[in-house]
Amino acid sequence: MDIQNKINEVFLKTIKMFNLTITFLNEAFQYFLNSDLSQNTTINDDLIDKSLIEIEKDSLNIILRERPFAIDLRKITGIFKLVDDIERLSDHSEDINWCIDNLKKSPHPIVRLKYLNEMIELSLGMVRDAYIGLVNNDEKLSNSVLKCDDNVDKLYLKVLQELSILKEKLANNDYFIYMTLIAKYVERIADHASNIAEWAIYIHSGYYKDEMII
């Protein structure tokens, strides 16, 4: 198998890993937004961890044995870096799932916070666009993901204000803690989507954070 086929094989594994991670994220947020909170999710971060190890091993083998250069080196090093952020997205789907399981034990119903819902929608949109930008080698779409991150940060501050008001109405501090954690995980999801978009731009152009690398 020539180097191009080997790199394409690793890229395909990466896309499959990313697609499964998006499925897990969608399940976690559907679980959160579902009013009766009765559904079971299929989130299994071990599958993502296994994919991460396999992709990193394959990438290193290509770098060490095939000695790629120029575009080939750019693509395989970009993949090697961005899979870490995909794995972290999967971690956060499990983190959110854990928070919801604990919220279910609370006597308080889940409170729908306006800005948290907006933040979730925007962050998930960033992840989807980061995926499409990577798959289609769409630098314009990847750049649009980066521009959304500031909006998520602004919403995060508004969510903290919402939660501060909510805390005064609740006697259960644990409830407040789990809701705050969910908001933080959503903010981190946007950060990881931005990181993936930056590596996708690097794969396409050789630029990473506006600096030419390869």
C-alpha atoms as a PDB file:
ATOM      1  CA  MET A   1       0.000   0.000   0.000  1.00  0.00           C
ATOM      2  CA  ASP A   2       1.460   3.384  -1.002  1.00  0.00           C
ATOM      3  CA  ILE A   3       1.654   6.341   1.350  1.00  0.00           C
ATOM      4  CA  GLN A   4      -1.403   8.078  -0.101  1.00  0.00           C
ATOM      5  CA  ASN A   5      -3.594   5.056   0.553  1.00  0.00           C
ATOM      6  CA  LYS A   6      -2.216   4.704   4.067  1.00  0.00           C
ATOM      7  CA  ILE A   7      -2.947   8.336   4.865  1.00  0.00           C
ATOM      8  CA  ASN A   8      -6.419   8.089   3.353  1.00  0.00           C
ATOM      9  CA  GLU A   9      -7.091   5.027   5.493  1.00  0.00           C
ATOM     10  CA  VAL A  10      -6.122   6.915   8.652  1.00  0.00           C
ATOM     11  CA  PHE A  11      -8.242   9.878   7.565  1.00  0.00           C
ATOM     12  CA  LEU A  12     -11.247   7.598   7.079  1.00  0.00           C
ATOM     13  CA  LYS A  13     -10.759   6.166  10.585  1.00  0.00           C
ATOM     14  CA  THR A  14     -10.627   9.729  11.905  1.00  0.00           C
ATOM     15  CA  ILE A  15     -13.889  10.663  10.184  1.00  0.00           C
ATOM     16  CA  LYS A  16     -15.598   7.558  11.582  1.00  0.00           C
ATOM     17  CA  MET A  17     -14.318   8.422  15.063  1.00  0.00           C
ATOM     18  CA  PHE A  18     -15.558  12.006  14.697  1.00  0.00           C
ATOM     19  CA  ASN A  19     -18.964  10.878  13.424  1.00  0.00           C
ATOM     20  CA  LEU A  20     -19.464   8.528  16.369  1.00  0.00           C
ATOM     21  CA  THR A  21     -18.414  11.289  18.767  1.00  0.00           C
ATOM     22  CA  ILE A  22     -21.047  13.615  17.287  1.00  0.00           C
ATOM     23  CA  THR A  23     -23.639  10.868  17.813  1.00  0.00           C
ATOM     24  CA  PHE A  24     -22.625  10.657  21.484  1.00  0.00           C
ATOM     25  CA  LEU A  25     -22.816  14.442  21.909  1.00  0.00           C
ATOM     26  CA  ASN A  26     -26.266  14.579  20.335  1.00  0.00           C
ATOM     27  CA  GLU A  27     -27.454  11.796  22.643  1.00  0.00           C
ATOM     28  CA  ALA A  28     -26.100  13.580  25.709  1.00  0.00           C
ATOM     29  CA  PHE A  29     -27.875  16.825  24.877  1.00  0.00           C
ATOM     30  CA  GLN A  30     -31.091  15.082  23.886  1.00  0.00           C
ATOM     31  CA  TYR A  31     -30.943  13.397  27.277  1.00  0.00           C
ATOM     32  CA  PHE A  32     -30.564  16.811  28.903  1.00  0.00           C
ATOM     33  CA  LEU A  33     -33.313  18.480  26.882  1.00  0.00           C
ATOM     34  CA  ASN A  34     -35.743  15.565  27.186  1.00  0.00           C
ATOM     35  CA  SER A  35     -38.349  16.678  29.699  1.00  0.00           C
ATOM     36  CA  ASP A  36     -38.930  13.284  31.316  1.00  0.00           C
ATOM     37  CA  LEU A  37     -35.211  12.397  31.419  1.00  0.00           C
ATOM     38  CA  SER A  38     -36.085   8.730  31.098  1.00  0.00           C
ATOM     39  CA  GLN A  39     -34.047   7.694  28.092  1.00  0.00           C
ATOM     40  CA  ASN A  40     -30.878   5.621  28.139  1.00  0.00           C
ATOM     41  CA  THR A  41     -27.918   6.674  26.008  1.00  0.00           C
ATOM     42  CA  THR A  42     -25.465   4.501  24.118  1.00  0.00           C
ATOM     43  CA  ILE A  43     -22.472   6.703  24.949  1.00  0.00           C
ATOM     44  CA  ASN A  44     -19.344   4.558  25.195  1.00  0.00           C
ATOM     45  CA  ASP A  45     -16.157   6.584  25.445  1.00  0.00           C
ATOM     46  CA  ASP A  46     -14.059   3.396  25.413  1.00  0.00           C
ATOM     47  CA  LEU A  47     -14.809   3.056  21.687  1.00  0.00           C
ATOM     48  CA  ILE A  48     -13.416   6.524  21.065  1.00  0.00           C
ATOM     49  CA  ASP A  49     -10.360   5.888  23.215  1.00  0.00           C
ATOM     50  CA  LYS A  50      -9.663   2.732  21.232  1.00  0.00           C
ATOM     51  CA  SER A  51      -9.943   4.645  17.952  1.00  0.00           C
ATOM     52  CA  LEU A  52      -7.634   7.355  19.268  1.00  0.00           C
ATOM     53  CA  ILE A  53      -4.897   4.868  20.115  1.00  0.00           C
ATOM     54  CA  GLU A  54      -5.233   3.132  16.751  1.00  0.00           C
ATOM     55  CA  ILE A  55      -5.112   6.383  14.764  1.00  0.00           C
ATOM     56  CA  GLU A  56      -2.141   7.725  16.712  1.00  0.00           C
ATOM     57  CA  LYS A  57      -0.272   4.438  16.234  1.00  0.00           C
ATOM     58  CA  ASP A  58      -0.999   4.392  12.493  1.00  0.00           C
ATOM     59  CA  SER A  59       0.036   8.041  12.154  1.00  0.00           C
ATOM     60  CA  LEU A  60       3.352   7.487  13.915  1.00  0.00           C
ATOM     61  CA  ASN A  61       4.057   4.424  11.791  1.00  0.00           C
ATOM     62  CA  ILE A  62       3.524   6.462   8.635  1.00  0.00           C
ATOM     63  CA  ILE A  63       5.770   9.277   9.885  1.00  0.00           C
ATOM     64  CA  LEU A  64       8.572   6.937  10.990  1.00  0.00           C
ATOM     65  CA  ARG A  65       8.462   4.395   8.174  1.00  0.00           C
ATOM     66  CA  GLU A  66       7.295   6.364   5.154  1.00  0.00           C
ATOM     67  CA  ARG A  67       9.037   9.669   5.951  1.00  0.00           C
ATOM     68  CA  PRO A  68       6.312  11.818   4.352  1.00  0.00           C
ATOM     69  CA  PHE A  69       6.994  15.395   3.289  1.00  0.00           C
ATOM     70  CA  ALA A  70       5.092  18.481   2.137  1.00  0.00           C
ATOM     71  CA  ILE A  71       1.327  17.852   1.827  1.00  0.00           C
ATOM     72  CA  ASP A  72       1.524  14.245   3.062  1.00  0.00           C
ATOM     73  CA  LEU A  73       3.374  15.274   6.226  1.00  0.00           C
ATOM     74  CA  ARG A  74       0.940  18.128   6.772  1.00  0.00           C
ATOM     75  CA  LYS A  75      -2.089  15.865   6.544  1.00  0.00           C
ATOM     76  CA  ILE A  76      -0.818  13.108   8.815  1.00  0.00           C
ATOM     77  CA  THR A  77       0.508  15.506  11.487  1.00  0.00           C
ATOM     78  CA  GLY A  78      -2.761  17.455  11.375  1.00  0.00           C
ATOM     79  CA  ILE A  79      -4.733  14.254  11.925  1.00  0.00           C
ATOM     80  CA  PHE A  80      -2.404  13.244  14.749  1.00  0.00           C
ATOM     81  CA  LYS A  81      -3.146  16.520  16.537  1.00  0.00           C
ATOM     82  CA  LEU A  82      -6.887  16.904  15.965  1.00  0.00           C
ATOM     83  CA  VAL A  83      -7.885  13.412  17.135  1.00  0.00           C
ATOM     84  CA  ASP A  84      -7.022  14.510  20.690  1.00  0.00           C
ATOM     85  CA  ASP A  85      -9.751  17.138  20.494  1.00  0.00           C
ATOM     86  CA  ILE A  86     -12.226  14.630  19.079  1.00  0.00           C
ATOM     87  CA  GLU A  87     -11.480  12.346  22.014  1.00  0.00           C
ATOM     88  CA  ARG A  88     -12.067  15.224  24.446  1.00  0.00           C
ATOM     89  CA  LEU A  89     -15.451  15.898  22.830  1.00  0.00           C
ATOM     90  CA  SER A  90     -16.392  12.309  23.578  1.00  0.00           C
ATOM     91  CA  ASP A  91     -15.210  12.734  27.158  1.00  0.00           C
ATOM     92  CA  HIS A  92     -17.536  15.693  27.545  1.00  0.00           C
ATOM     93  CA  SER A  93     -20.511  13.724  26.234  1.00  0.00           C
ATOM     94  CA  GLU A  94     -19.867  11.260  29.041  1.00  0.00           C
ATOM     95  CA  ASP A  95     -19.325  14.114  31.539  1.00  0.00           C
ATOM     96  CA  ILE A  96     -22.665  15.678  30.620  1.00  0.00           C
ATOM     97  CA  ASN A  97     -24.382  12.309  30.842  1.00  0.00           C
ATOM     98  CA  TRP A  98     -22.966  11.855  34.350  1.00  0.00           C
ATOM     99  CA  CYS A  99     -24.186  15.306  35.416  1.00  0.00           C
ATOM    100  CA  ILE A 100     -27.688  14.562  34.154  1.00  0.00           C
ATOM    101  CA  ASP A 101     -27.778  11.252  36.023  1.00  0.00           C
ATOM    102  CA  ASN A 102     -27.043  13.206  39.188  1.00  0.00           C
ATOM    103  CA  LEU A 103     -29.578  15.905  38.366  1.00  0.00           C
ATOM    104  CA  LYS A 104     -32.220  13.181  38.087  1.00  0.00           C
ATOM    105  CA  LYS A 105     -31.674  12.438  41.771  1.00  0.00           C
ATOM    106  CA  SER A 106     -32.603  15.984  42.697  1.00  0.00           C
ATOM    107  CA  PRO A 107     -36.170  16.859  43.765  1.00  0.00           C
ATOM    108  CA  HIS A 108     -35.963  19.914  41.493  1.00  0.00           C
ATOM    109  CA  PRO A 109     -37.123  19.625  37.878  1.00  0.00           C
ATOM    110  CA  ILE A 110     -34.618  20.568  35.197  1.00  0.00           C
ATOM    111  CA  VAL A 111     -34.805  24.326  34.682  1.00  0.00           C
ATOM    112  CA  ARG A 112     -34.656  25.454  31.061  1.00  0.00           C
ATOM    113  CA  LEU A 113     -32.203  28.329  30.878  1.00  0.00           C
ATOM    114  CA  LYS A 114     -32.562  30.482  27.767  1.00  0.00           C
ATOM    115  CA  TYR A 115     -28.891  31.231  27.258  1.00  0.00           C
ATOM    116  CA  LEU A 116     -27.770  27.695  28.085  1.00  0.00           C
ATOM    117  CA  ASN A 117     -30.069  26.324  25.377  1.00  0.00           C
ATOM    118  CA  GLU A 118     -28.671  28.875  22.911  1.00  0.00           C
ATOM    119  CA  MET A 119     -25.149  27.949  23.949  1.00  0.00           C
ATOM    120  CA  ILE A 120     -25.809  24.247  23.410  1.00  0.00           C
ATOM    121  CA  GLU A 121     -27.273  24.872  19.963  1.00  0.00           C
ATOM    122  CA  LEU A 122     -24.350  27.067  18.898  1.00  0.00           C
ATOM    123  CA  SER A 123     -21.686  24.689  20.251  1.00  0.00           C
ATOM    124  CA  LEU A 124     -23.232  21.667  18.543  1.00  0.00           C
ATOM    125  CA  GLY A 125     -23.429  23.675  15.324  1.00  0.00           C
ATOM    126  CA  MET A 126     -19.712  24.429  15.637  1.00  0.00           C
ATOM    127  CA  VAL A 127     -18.937  20.728  16.039  1.00  0.00           C
ATOM    128  CA  ARG A 128     -21.029  19.826  12.990  1.00  0.00           C
ATOM    129  CA  ASP A 129     -19.384  22.545  10.885  1.00  0.00           C
ATOM    130  CA  ALA A 130     -15.920  21.497  12.076  1.00  0.00           C
ATOM    131  CA  TYR A 131     -16.751  17.968  10.925  1.00  0.00           C
ATOM    132  CA  ILE A 132     -18.027  19.098   7.516  1.00  0.00           C
ATOM    133  CA  GLY A 133     -15.084  21.457   7.074  1.00  0.00           C
ATOM    134  CA  LEU A 134     -12.676  18.623   7.758  1.00  0.00           C
ATOM    135  CA  VAL A 135     -14.449  16.117   5.515  1.00  0.00           C
ATOM    136  CA  ASN A 136     -14.869  18.523   2.599  1.00  0.00           C
ATOM    137  CA  ASN A 137     -11.566  20.342   3.056  1.00  0.00           C
ATOM    138  CA  ASP A 138     -13.644  23.521   3.329  1.00  0.00           C
ATOM    139  CA  GLU A 139     -11.376  26.216   4.754  1.00  0.00           C
ATOM    140  CA  LYS A 140     -14.116  28.867   4.623  1.00  0.00           C
ATOM    141  CA  LEU A 141     -16.444  26.768   6.775  1.00  0.00           C
ATOM    142  CA  SER A 142     -13.621  25.940   9.186  1.00  0.00           C
ATOM    143  CA  ASN A 143     -12.913  29.659   9.579  1.00  0.00           C
ATOM    144  CA  SER A 144     -16.589  30.282  10.335  1.00  0.00           C
ATOM    145  CA  VAL A 145     -16.282  27.867  13.270  1.00  0.00           C
ATOM    146  CA  LEU A 146     -13.482  29.976  14.748  1.00  0.00           C
ATOM    147  CA  LYS A 147     -15.605  33.111  14.520  1.00  0.00           C
ATOM    148  CA  CYS A 148     -18.376  31.493  16.577  1.00  0.00           C
ATOM    149  CA  ASP A 149     -16.199  30.797  19.599  1.00  0.00           C
ATOM    150  CA  ASP A 150     -16.387  34.360  20.938  1.00  0.00           C
ATOM    151  CA  ASN A 151     -20.193  34.181  20.801  1.00  0.00           C
ATOM    152  CA  VAL A 152     -20.150  31.006  22.890  1.00  0.00           C
ATOM    153  CA  ASP A 153     -17.903  32.712  25.449  1.00  0.00           C
ATOM    154  CA  LYS A 154     -20.343  35.623  25.673  1.00  0.00           C
ATOM    155  CA  LEU A 155     -23.263  33.246  26.140  1.00  0.00           C
ATOM    156  CA  TYR A 156     -21.316  31.391  28.826  1.00  0.00           C
ATOM    157  CA  LEU A 157     -21.080  34.582  30.890  1.00  0.00           C
ATOM    158  CA  LYS A 158     -24.827  35.079  30.510  1.00  0.00           C
ATOM    159  CA  VAL A 159     -25.451  31.483  31.578  1.00  0.00           C
ATOM    160  CA  LEU A 160     -23.395  32.056  34.726  1.00  0.00           C
ATOM    161  CA  GLN A 161     -25.638  35.026  35.493  1.00  0.00           C
ATOM    162  CA  GLU A 162     -28.713  32.855  34.938  1.00  0.00           C
ATOM    163  CA  LEU A 163     -27.287  30.225  37.256  1.00  0.00           C
ATOM    164  CA  SER A 164     -26.457  32.811  39.912  1.00  0.00           C
ATOM    165  CA  ILE A 165     -30.103  33.890  39.976  1.00  0.00           C
ATOM    166  CA  LEU A 166     -31.205  30.255  40.014  1.00  0.00           C
ATOM    167  CA  LYS A 167     -28.949  29.440  42.953  1.00  0.00           C
ATOM    168  CA  GLU A 168     -30.753  31.958  45.148  1.00  0.00           C
ATOM    169  CA  LYS A 169     -34.025  30.095  44.522  1.00  0.00           C
ATOM    170  CA  LEU A 170     -32.689  26.616  45.252  1.00  0.00           C
ATOM    171  CA  ALA A 171     -31.950  24.946  48.540  1.00  0.00           C
ATOM    172  CA  ASN A 172     -29.947  22.187  46.855  1.00  0.00           C
ATOM    173  CA  ASN A 173     -26.377  23.298  46.092  1.00  0.00           C
ATOM    174  CA  ASP A 174     -25.611  20.019  44.290  1.00  0.00           C
ATOM    175  CA  TYR A 175     -28.181  20.906  41.645  1.00  0.00           C
ATOM    176  CA  PHE A 176     -26.463  24.240  41.034  1.00  0.00           C
ATOM    177  CA  ILE A 177     -23.043  22.545  40.805  1.00  0.00           C
ATOM    178  CA  TYR A 178     -24.154  20.014  38.163  1.00  0.00           C
ATOM    179  CA  MET A 179     -25.861  22.683  36.068  1.00  0.00           C
ATOM    180  CA  THR A 180     -22.710  24.826  36.252  1.00  0.00           C
ATOM    181  CA  LEU A 181     -20.582  21.864  35.177  1.00  0.00           C
ATOM    182  CA  ILE A 182     -22.822  21.248  32.166  1.00  0.00           C
ATOM    183  CA  ALA A 183     -22.417  24.880  31.115  1.00  0.00           C
ATOM    184  CA  LYS A 184     -18.633  24.593  31.444  1.00  0.00           C
ATOM    185  CA  TYR A 185     -18.560  21.398  29.381  1.00  0.00           C
ATOM    186  CA  VAL A 186     -20.588  23.105  26.655  1.00  0.00           C
ATOM    187  CA  GLU A 187     -18.064  25.958  26.618  1.00  0.00           C
ATOM    188  CA  ARG A 188     -15.211  23.442  26.334  1.00  0.00           C
ATOM    189  CA  ILE A 189     -16.994  21.648  23.484  1.00  0.00           C
ATOM    190  CA  ALA A 190     -16.900  24.904  21.518  1.00  0.00           C
ATOM    191  CA  ASP A 191     -13.182  25.238  22.281  1.00  0.00           C
ATOM    192  CA  HIS A 192     -12.445  21.736  20.970  1.00  0.00           C
ATOM    193  CA  ALA A 193     -14.520  22.381  17.848  1.00  0.00           C
ATOM    194  CA  SER A 194     -12.382  25.475  17.240  1.00  0.00           C
ATOM    195  CA  ASN A 195      -9.187  23.475  17.720  1.00  0.00           C
ATOM    196  CA  ILE A 196     -10.348  20.880  15.192  1.00  0.00           C
ATOM    197  CA  ALA A 197     -11.217  23.642  12.727  1.00  0.00           C
ATOM    198  CA  GLU A 198      -7.745  25.145  13.155  1.00  0.00           C
ATOM    199  CA  TRP A 199      -6.094  21.802  12.385  1.00  0.00           C
ATOM    200  CA  ALA A 200      -8.412  21.325   9.401  1.00  0.00           C
ATOM    201  CA  ILE A 201      -7.233  24.701   8.065  1.00  0.00           C
ATOM    202  CA  TYR A 202      -3.636  23.591   8.627  1.00  0.00           C
ATOM    203  CA  ILE A 203      -4.232  20.380   6.677  1.00  0.00           C
ATOM    204  CA  HIS A 204      -5.712  22.401   3.819  1.00  0.00           C
ATOM    205  CA  SER A 205      -3.281  25.322   3.698  1.00  0.00           C
ATOM    206  CA  GLY A 206      -0.276  24.685   5.936  1.00  0.00           C
ATOM    207  CA  TYR A 207      -1.237  27.634   8.161  1.00  0.00           C
ATOM    208  CA  TYR A 208      -1.865  27.137  11.870  1.00  0.00           C
ATOM    209  CA  LYS A 209      -3.066  30.172  13.829  1.00  0.00           C
ATOM    210  CA  ASP A 210      -2.079  32.399  10.889  1.00  0.00           C
ATOM    211  CA  GLU A 211       1.481  31.079  10.838  1.00  0.00           C
ATOM    212  CA  MET A 212       2.868  28.974   7.995  1.00  0.00           C
ATOM    213  CA  ILE A 213       4.097  25.644   9.409  1.00  0.00           C
ATOM    214  CA  ILE A 214       4.435  23.300   6.427  1.00  0.00           C
END
